[in-house]
Amino acid sequence: MNASTRLGLFACVTLLALTLLAVPALAVDDPGDGTVVETVEEDSGRPAIADNPRDRLGLLLLTALVVAGGLALANGRRQLKGERPQASGEFRWR
């Protein structure tokens, strides 16, 4: 797989993921007169983590960022310790 194919595939997957995340956030009923529809129930006694769809999308993106960072750190640690069969544990320029 060459670089242009890989870049195109990455762009398509990123666009698909953003589309799948944005569609539920954009599907909110808008009354059209400028008033905001409250969807938080007052009976539960718990504060809502995210009050609106934009906050929920932000939380999803931050969660994905933290998970990806954790996976990258784990992979880097394995690479530098030489635990992977193709890794020697030494840094070299490519």
N, C-alpha and C. Protein backbone atom coordinates (compact mmCIF):
# COMPACT_ATOMS: atom_id res chain seq x y z
N MET A 1 0.85 -1.16 0.00
CA MET A 1 0.00 0.00 0.00
C MET A 1 0.91 1.23 0.00
N ASN A 2 0.77 2.08 -0.99
CA ASN A 2 1.63 3.26 -1.06
C ASN A 2 1.06 4.41 -0.24
N ALA A 3 1.82 5.50 -0.18
CA ALA A 3 1.45 6.61 0.70
C ALA A 3 0.16 7.31 0.27
N SER A 4 -0.06 7.47 -1.02
CA SER A 4 -1.27 8.17 -1.45
C SER A 4 -2.52 7.34 -1.17
N THR A 5 -2.43 6.04 -1.34
CA THR A 5 -3.58 5.17 -1.02
C THR A 5 -3.86 5.18 0.47
N ARG A 6 -2.81 5.14 1.25
CA ARG A 6 -2.97 5.15 2.71
C ARG A 6 -3.57 6.47 3.18
N LEU A 7 -3.10 7.57 2.61
CA LEU A 7 -3.64 8.88 2.98
C LEU A 7 -5.11 9.02 2.58
N GLY A 8 -5.46 8.54 1.41
CA GLY A 8 -6.87 8.58 0.98
C GLY A 8 -7.76 7.73 1.85
N LEU A 9 -7.28 6.55 2.22
CA LEU A 9 -8.05 5.67 3.11
C LEU A 9 -8.22 6.31 4.48
N PHE A 10 -7.16 6.95 4.99
CA PHE A 10 -7.25 7.62 6.28
C PHE A 10 -8.25 8.77 6.23
N ALA A 11 -8.24 9.54 5.14
CA ALA A 11 -9.18 10.66 5.00
C ALA A 11 -10.62 10.15 4.94
N CYS A 12 -10.87 9.07 4.23
CA CYS A 12 -12.22 8.51 4.12
C CYS A 12 -12.72 8.00 5.47
N VAL A 13 -11.86 7.30 6.19
CA VAL A 13 -12.26 6.76 7.50
C VAL A 13 -12.52 7.89 8.49
N THR A 14 -11.69 8.93 8.45
CA THR A 14 -11.90 10.08 9.33
C THR A 14 -13.21 10.78 9.02
N LEU A 15 -13.50 10.98 7.75
CA LEU A 15 -14.76 11.61 7.36
C LEU A 15 -15.96 10.77 7.78
N LEU A 16 -15.87 9.46 7.62
CA LEU A 16 -16.95 8.57 8.04
C LEU A 16 -17.16 8.64 9.56
N ALA A 17 -16.08 8.64 10.32
CA ALA A 17 -16.20 8.70 11.78
C ALA A 17 -16.82 10.02 12.23
N LEU A 18 -16.38 11.11 11.64
CA LEU A 18 -16.96 12.41 12.00
C LEU A 18 -18.43 12.51 11.60
N THR A 19 -18.79 11.92 10.48
CA THR A 19 -20.18 11.92 10.04
C THR A 19 -21.04 11.12 11.02
N LEU A 20 -20.54 9.95 11.44
CA LEU A 20 -21.30 9.13 12.37
C LEU A 20 -21.45 9.80 13.73
N LEU A 21 -20.48 10.62 14.12
CA LEU A 21 -20.59 11.33 15.39
C LEU A 21 -21.48 12.56 15.28
N ALA A 22 -21.46 13.22 14.13
CA ALA A 22 -22.17 14.50 14.00
C ALA A 22 -23.66 14.32 13.73
N VAL A 23 -24.06 13.23 13.09
CA VAL A 23 -25.47 13.07 12.72
C VAL A 23 -26.39 13.06 13.94
N PRO A 24 -26.11 12.32 15.02
CA PRO A 24 -27.00 12.40 16.18
C PRO A 24 -27.00 13.78 16.83
N ALA A 25 -25.88 14.47 16.79
CA ALA A 25 -25.81 15.80 17.40
C ALA A 25 -26.62 16.81 16.61
N LEU A 26 -26.71 16.64 15.32
CA LEU A 26 -27.46 17.58 14.49
C LEU A 26 -28.95 17.25 14.40
N ALA A 27 -29.37 16.12 14.94
CA ALA A 27 -30.75 15.68 14.83
C ALA A 27 -31.63 16.19 15.96
N VAL A 28 -31.31 17.31 16.53
CA VAL A 28 -32.08 17.90 17.64
C VAL A 28 -33.23 18.71 17.06
N ASP A 29 -34.40 18.57 17.67
CA ASP A 29 -35.55 19.35 17.24
C ASP A 29 -35.35 20.81 17.60
N ASP A 30 -35.50 21.68 16.63
CA ASP A 30 -35.35 23.12 16.83
C ASP A 30 -36.73 23.76 16.65
N PRO A 31 -37.26 24.43 17.68
CA PRO A 31 -38.58 25.02 17.53
C PRO A 31 -38.61 26.18 16.53
N GLY A 32 -37.48 26.81 16.24
CA GLY A 32 -37.43 27.85 15.23
C GLY A 32 -37.67 29.25 15.73
N ASP A 33 -38.16 29.43 16.94
CA ASP A 33 -38.41 30.78 17.43
C ASP A 33 -37.30 31.28 18.34
N GLY A 34 -36.19 30.58 18.41
CA GLY A 34 -35.05 31.03 19.18
C GLY A 34 -35.02 30.53 20.61
N THR A 35 -36.03 29.80 21.04
CA THR A 35 -36.02 29.28 22.40
C THR A 35 -35.27 27.96 22.42
N VAL A 36 -34.69 27.65 23.56
CA VAL A 36 -33.92 26.43 23.72
C VAL A 36 -34.81 25.40 24.41
N VAL A 37 -34.84 24.19 23.87
CA VAL A 37 -35.63 23.12 24.45
C VAL A 37 -34.78 22.43 25.50
N GLU A 38 -35.27 22.37 26.73
CA GLU A 38 -34.54 21.70 27.80
C GLU A 38 -34.86 20.21 27.78
N THR A 39 -33.84 19.38 27.82
CA THR A 39 -34.04 17.94 27.81
C THR A 39 -33.56 17.28 29.09
N VAL A 40 -33.09 18.07 30.06
CA VAL A 40 -32.58 17.52 31.30
C VAL A 40 -33.75 17.33 32.26
N GLU A 41 -33.86 16.13 32.82
CA GLU A 41 -34.93 15.87 33.78
C GLU A 41 -34.51 16.38 35.16
N GLU A 42 -35.40 17.07 35.81
CA GLU A 42 -35.13 17.61 37.13
C GLU A 42 -35.42 16.59 38.23
N ASP A 43 -36.11 15.49 37.92
CA ASP A 43 -36.54 14.54 38.93
C ASP A 43 -35.42 13.60 39.36
N SER A 44 -34.38 13.44 38.56
CA SER A 44 -33.36 12.45 38.86
C SER A 44 -32.47 12.86 40.03
N GLY A 45 -32.29 14.16 40.26
CA GLY A 45 -31.47 14.61 41.37
C GLY A 45 -29.99 14.63 41.05
N ARG A 46 -29.59 14.19 39.87
CA ARG A 46 -28.19 14.19 39.47
C ARG A 46 -27.97 15.29 38.45
N PRO A 47 -26.84 15.95 38.51
CA PRO A 47 -26.54 16.94 37.46
C PRO A 47 -26.17 16.24 36.15
N ALA A 48 -26.55 16.82 35.05
CA ALA A 48 -26.23 16.24 33.75
C ALA A 48 -24.77 16.50 33.43
N ILE A 49 -24.09 15.50 32.87
CA ILE A 49 -22.69 15.67 32.49
C ILE A 49 -22.59 16.65 31.33
N ALA A 50 -23.43 16.45 30.33
CA ALA A 50 -23.43 17.34 29.17
C ALA A 50 -24.87 17.76 28.91
N ASP A 51 -25.10 19.05 28.87
CA ASP A 51 -26.46 19.56 28.72
C ASP A 51 -26.96 19.54 27.29
N ASN A 52 -26.08 19.71 26.32
CA ASN A 52 -26.54 19.78 24.94
C ASN A 52 -25.70 18.87 24.05
N PRO A 53 -26.14 18.64 22.83
CA PRO A 53 -25.43 17.71 21.94
C PRO A 53 -24.01 18.16 21.62
N ARG A 54 -23.74 19.45 21.58
CA ARG A 54 -22.38 19.92 21.30
C ARG A 54 -21.43 19.51 22.42
N ASP A 55 -21.89 19.58 23.67
CA ASP A 55 -21.06 19.16 24.79
C ASP A 55 -20.83 17.65 24.75
N ARG A 56 -21.86 16.90 24.38
CA ARG A 56 -21.71 15.45 24.28
C ARG A 56 -20.70 15.07 23.21
N LEU A 57 -20.75 15.74 22.07
CA LEU A 57 -19.78 15.49 21.00
C LEU A 57 -18.38 15.84 21.47
N GLY A 58 -18.24 16.93 22.18
CA GLY A 58 -16.94 17.31 22.72
C GLY A 58 -16.40 16.26 23.68
N LEU A 59 -17.28 15.73 24.54
CA LEU A 59 -16.85 14.68 25.46
C LEU A 59 -16.44 13.42 24.72
N LEU A 60 -17.16 13.07 23.66
CA LEU A 60 -16.78 11.91 22.86
C LEU A 60 -15.42 12.11 22.20
N LEU A 61 -15.18 13.29 21.66
CA LEU A 61 -13.90 13.56 21.01
C LEU A 61 -12.75 13.57 22.02
N LEU A 62 -12.98 14.15 23.20
CA LEU A 62 -11.94 14.13 24.22
C LEU A 62 -11.65 12.72 24.71
N THR A 63 -12.69 11.90 24.85
CA THR A 63 -12.50 10.51 25.25
C THR A 63 -11.69 9.75 24.21
N ALA A 64 -12.02 9.96 22.93
CA ALA A 64 -11.27 9.30 21.86
C ALA A 64 -9.81 9.76 21.86
N LEU A 65 -9.56 11.04 22.13
CA LEU A 65 -8.20 11.56 22.18
C LEU A 65 -7.41 10.92 23.32
N VAL A 66 -8.02 10.79 24.48
CA VAL A 66 -7.35 10.19 25.63
C VAL A 66 -7.06 8.71 25.38
N VAL A 67 -8.02 8.00 24.80
CA VAL A 67 -7.81 6.58 24.50
C VAL A 67 -6.71 6.39 23.47
N ALA A 68 -6.72 7.20 22.41
CA ALA A 68 -5.68 7.09 21.39
C ALA A 68 -4.31 7.44 21.96
N GLY A 69 -4.24 8.44 22.83
CA GLY A 69 -2.97 8.78 23.47
C GLY A 69 -2.46 7.66 24.36
N GLY A 70 -3.35 7.03 25.08
CA GLY A 70 -2.95 5.89 25.92
C GLY A 70 -2.44 4.72 25.09
N LEU A 71 -3.11 4.44 23.97
CA LEU A 71 -2.64 3.37 23.09
C LEU A 71 -1.28 3.72 22.48
N ALA A 72 -1.09 4.98 22.12
CA ALA A 72 0.20 5.39 21.55
C ALA A 72 1.32 5.27 22.59
N LEU A 73 1.05 5.67 23.82
CA LEU A 73 2.06 5.53 24.87
C LEU A 73 2.40 4.07 25.15
N ALA A 74 1.39 3.21 25.16
CA ALA A 74 1.64 1.79 25.38
C ALA A 74 2.46 1.20 24.23
N ASN A 75 2.14 1.58 23.01
CA ASN A 75 2.88 1.08 21.86
C ASN A 75 4.32 1.60 21.89
N GLY A 76 4.52 2.87 22.23
CA GLY A 76 5.86 3.41 22.32
C GLY A 76 6.69 2.74 23.40
N ARG A 77 6.07 2.45 24.53
CA ARG A 77 6.78 1.75 25.60
C ARG A 77 7.21 0.36 25.16
N ARG A 78 6.30 -0.34 24.49
CA ARG A 78 6.66 -1.68 24.00
C ARG A 78 7.76 -1.62 22.96
N GLN A 79 7.71 -0.60 22.12
CA GLN A 79 8.72 -0.44 21.07
C GLN A 79 10.10 -0.17 21.69
N LEU A 80 10.15 0.74 22.66
CA LEU A 80 11.44 1.11 23.25
C LEU A 80 11.99 0.05 24.19
N LYS A 81 11.14 -0.76 24.79
CA LYS A 81 11.63 -1.84 25.65
C LYS A 81 12.07 -3.05 24.85
N GLY A 82 11.74 -3.10 23.55
CA GLY A 82 12.13 -4.23 22.72
C GLY A 82 11.23 -5.44 22.89
N GLU A 83 10.00 -5.24 23.34
CA GLU A 83 9.07 -6.36 23.53
C GLU A 83 8.46 -6.85 22.24
N ARG A 84 8.46 -6.01 21.21
CA ARG A 84 7.91 -6.44 19.93
C ARG A 84 8.98 -7.23 19.19
N PRO A 85 8.60 -8.27 18.44
CA PRO A 85 9.61 -9.11 17.80
C PRO A 85 10.45 -8.36 16.76
N GLN A 86 9.93 -7.35 16.11
CA GLN A 86 10.69 -6.63 15.11
C GLN A 86 11.45 -5.45 15.69
N ALA A 87 11.38 -5.23 17.00
CA ALA A 87 12.03 -4.08 17.63
C ALA A 87 13.25 -4.54 18.41
N SER A 88 14.31 -3.75 18.31
CA SER A 88 15.53 -4.05 19.06
C SER A 88 15.61 -3.21 20.33
N GLY A 89 14.78 -2.18 20.47
CA GLY A 89 14.80 -1.33 21.64
C GLY A 89 15.70 -0.12 21.49
N GLU A 90 16.37 0.03 20.38
CA GLU A 90 17.23 1.19 20.16
C GLU A 90 16.59 2.13 19.16
N PHE A 91 16.88 3.42 19.34
CA PHE A 91 16.32 4.43 18.45
C PHE A 91 17.18 4.53 17.21
N ARG A 92 16.56 4.57 16.04
CA ARG A 92 17.31 4.74 14.79
C ARG A 92 16.47 5.57 13.82
N TRP A 93 17.15 6.39 13.05
CA TRP A 93 16.48 7.21 12.05
C TRP A 93 16.14 6.37 10.86
N ARG A 94 15.05 6.70 10.21
CA ARG A 94 14.65 5.96 9.00
C ARG A 94 14.73 6.84 7.81
